[in-house]
Amino acid sequence: MLRVERDKKTRYWAIWDGAELVALMVYRRGALEVLRRLQERATEAAVERAQAEAGEGYPVTGDTDLW
């Protein structure tokens, strides 16, 4: 789970993935934007993975004359 928190006794903002430091930024607004983009990418990847598992995204036609 990604989270943003202020680094103790500094002006820096950290993005954490569990106990792993992902990024360190000076501005809170920048940290929130990076967090938003990371979460957006994770959501897109999950949707693509689900579609691939379900066999979606690949058109299935009865036409075997492809060339």
C-alpha atoms as a PDB file:
ATOM      1  CA  MET A   1       0.000   0.000   0.000  1.00  0.00           C
ATOM      2  CA  LEU A   2       1.480   3.322  -1.082  1.00  0.00           C
ATOM      3  CA  ARG A   3       1.439   6.229   1.327  1.00  0.00           C
ATOM      4  CA  VAL A   4       2.870   9.747   1.628  1.00  0.00           C
ATOM      5  CA  GLU A   5       4.275  11.063   4.869  1.00  0.00           C
ATOM      6  CA  ARG A   6       6.527  13.869   5.945  1.00  0.00           C
ATOM      7  CA  ASP A   7      10.061  12.876   6.814  1.00  0.00           C
ATOM      8  CA  LYS A   8      10.705  13.654  10.480  1.00  0.00           C
ATOM      9  CA  LYS A   9      12.446  16.940  11.230  1.00  0.00           C
ATOM     10  CA  THR A  10      12.945  17.811   7.544  1.00  0.00           C
ATOM     11  CA  ARG A  11      10.948  19.489   4.840  1.00  0.00           C
ATOM     12  CA  TYR A  12      10.950  16.381   2.662  1.00  0.00           C
ATOM     13  CA  TRP A  13       7.972  14.215   1.768  1.00  0.00           C
ATOM     14  CA  ALA A  14       8.425  10.479   1.316  1.00  0.00           C
ATOM     15  CA  ILE A  15       6.397   7.990  -0.700  1.00  0.00           C
ATOM     16  CA  TRP A  16       6.475   4.554   0.922  1.00  0.00           C
ATOM     17  CA  ASP A  17       5.397   1.174  -0.403  1.00  0.00           C
ATOM     18  CA  GLY A  18       5.104  -0.722   2.851  1.00  0.00           C
ATOM     19  CA  ALA A  19       8.558  -0.393   4.425  1.00  0.00           C
ATOM     20  CA  GLU A  20      10.284   0.439   1.109  1.00  0.00           C
ATOM     21  CA  LEU A  21      11.085   4.050   0.222  1.00  0.00           C
ATOM     22  CA  VAL A  22       9.929   4.773  -3.336  1.00  0.00           C
ATOM     23  CA  ALA A  23      10.677   8.496  -3.655  1.00  0.00           C
ATOM     24  CA  LEU A  24      11.637  11.539  -1.625  1.00  0.00           C
ATOM     25  CA  MET A  25      10.467  15.007  -2.642  1.00  0.00           C
ATOM     26  CA  VAL A  26      10.730  18.553  -1.383  1.00  0.00           C
ATOM     27  CA  TYR A  27       7.131  19.522  -2.038  1.00  0.00           C
ATOM     28  CA  ARG A  28       4.009  17.795  -0.725  1.00  0.00           C
ATOM     29  CA  ARG A  29       2.099  18.625  -3.873  1.00  0.00           C
ATOM     30  CA  GLY A  30       4.706  16.898  -6.020  1.00  0.00           C
ATOM     31  CA  ALA A  31       4.653  13.850  -3.756  1.00  0.00           C
ATOM     32  CA  LEU A  32       0.877  13.643  -4.042  1.00  0.00           C
ATOM     33  CA  GLU A  33       1.067  13.877  -7.844  1.00  0.00           C
ATOM     34  CA  VAL A  34       3.669  11.107  -8.040  1.00  0.00           C
ATOM     35  CA  LEU A  35       1.522   8.982  -5.721  1.00  0.00           C
ATOM     36  CA  ARG A  36      -1.549   9.596  -7.911  1.00  0.00           C
ATOM     37  CA  ARG A  37       0.340   8.555 -11.049  1.00  0.00           C
ATOM     38  CA  LEU A  38       1.751   5.421  -9.425  1.00  0.00           C
ATOM     39  CA  GLN A  39      -1.709   4.382  -8.262  1.00  0.00           C
ATOM     40  CA  GLU A  40      -3.164   5.111 -11.714  1.00  0.00           C
ATOM     41  CA  ARG A  41      -0.525   2.917 -13.371  1.00  0.00           C
ATOM     42  CA  ALA A  42      -1.125   0.130 -10.853  1.00  0.00           C
ATOM     43  CA  THR A  43      -4.858   0.247 -11.603  1.00  0.00           C
ATOM     44  CA  GLU A  44      -4.251   0.149 -15.363  1.00  0.00           C
ATOM     45  CA  ALA A  45      -1.889  -2.807 -14.982  1.00  0.00           C
ATOM     46  CA  ALA A  46      -4.446  -4.688 -12.875  1.00  0.00           C
ATOM     47  CA  VAL A  47      -7.150  -4.116 -15.513  1.00  0.00           C
ATOM     48  CA  GLU A  48      -4.845  -5.292 -18.306  1.00  0.00           C
ATOM     49  CA  ARG A  49      -3.882  -8.370 -16.302  1.00  0.00           C
ATOM     50  CA  ALA A  50      -7.539  -9.214 -15.649  1.00  0.00           C
ATOM     51  CA  GLN A  51      -8.395  -8.775 -19.328  1.00  0.00           C
ATOM     52  CA  ALA A  52      -5.507 -11.003 -20.387  1.00  0.00           C
ATOM     53  CA  GLU A  53      -6.577 -13.709 -17.949  1.00  0.00           C
ATOM     54  CA  ALA A  54     -10.150 -13.512 -19.213  1.00  0.00           C
ATOM     55  CA  GLY A  55      -8.991 -13.606 -22.830  1.00  0.00           C
ATOM     56  CA  GLU A  56     -10.362 -10.156 -23.548  1.00  0.00           C
ATOM     57  CA  GLY A  57      -8.578  -7.673 -25.721  1.00  0.00           C
ATOM     58  CA  TYR A  58      -7.852 -10.238 -28.417  1.00  0.00           C
ATOM     59  CA  PRO A  59     -10.577 -10.409 -31.044  1.00  0.00           C
ATOM     60  CA  VAL A  60     -11.771 -13.900 -31.766  1.00  0.00           C
ATOM     61  CA  THR A  61     -13.234 -14.273 -35.242  1.00  0.00           C
ATOM     62  CA  GLY A  62     -14.278 -17.244 -37.258  1.00  0.00           C
ATOM     63  CA  ASP A  63     -12.244 -15.974 -40.189  1.00  0.00           C
ATOM     64  CA  THR A  64      -9.172 -18.130 -40.644  1.00  0.00           C
ATOM     65  CA  ASP A  65      -8.068 -16.389 -43.831  1.00  0.00           C
ATOM     66  CA  LEU A  66      -5.751 -13.872 -42.177  1.00  0.00           C
ATOM     67  CA  TRP A  67      -3.268 -13.451 -44.994  1.00  0.00           C
END
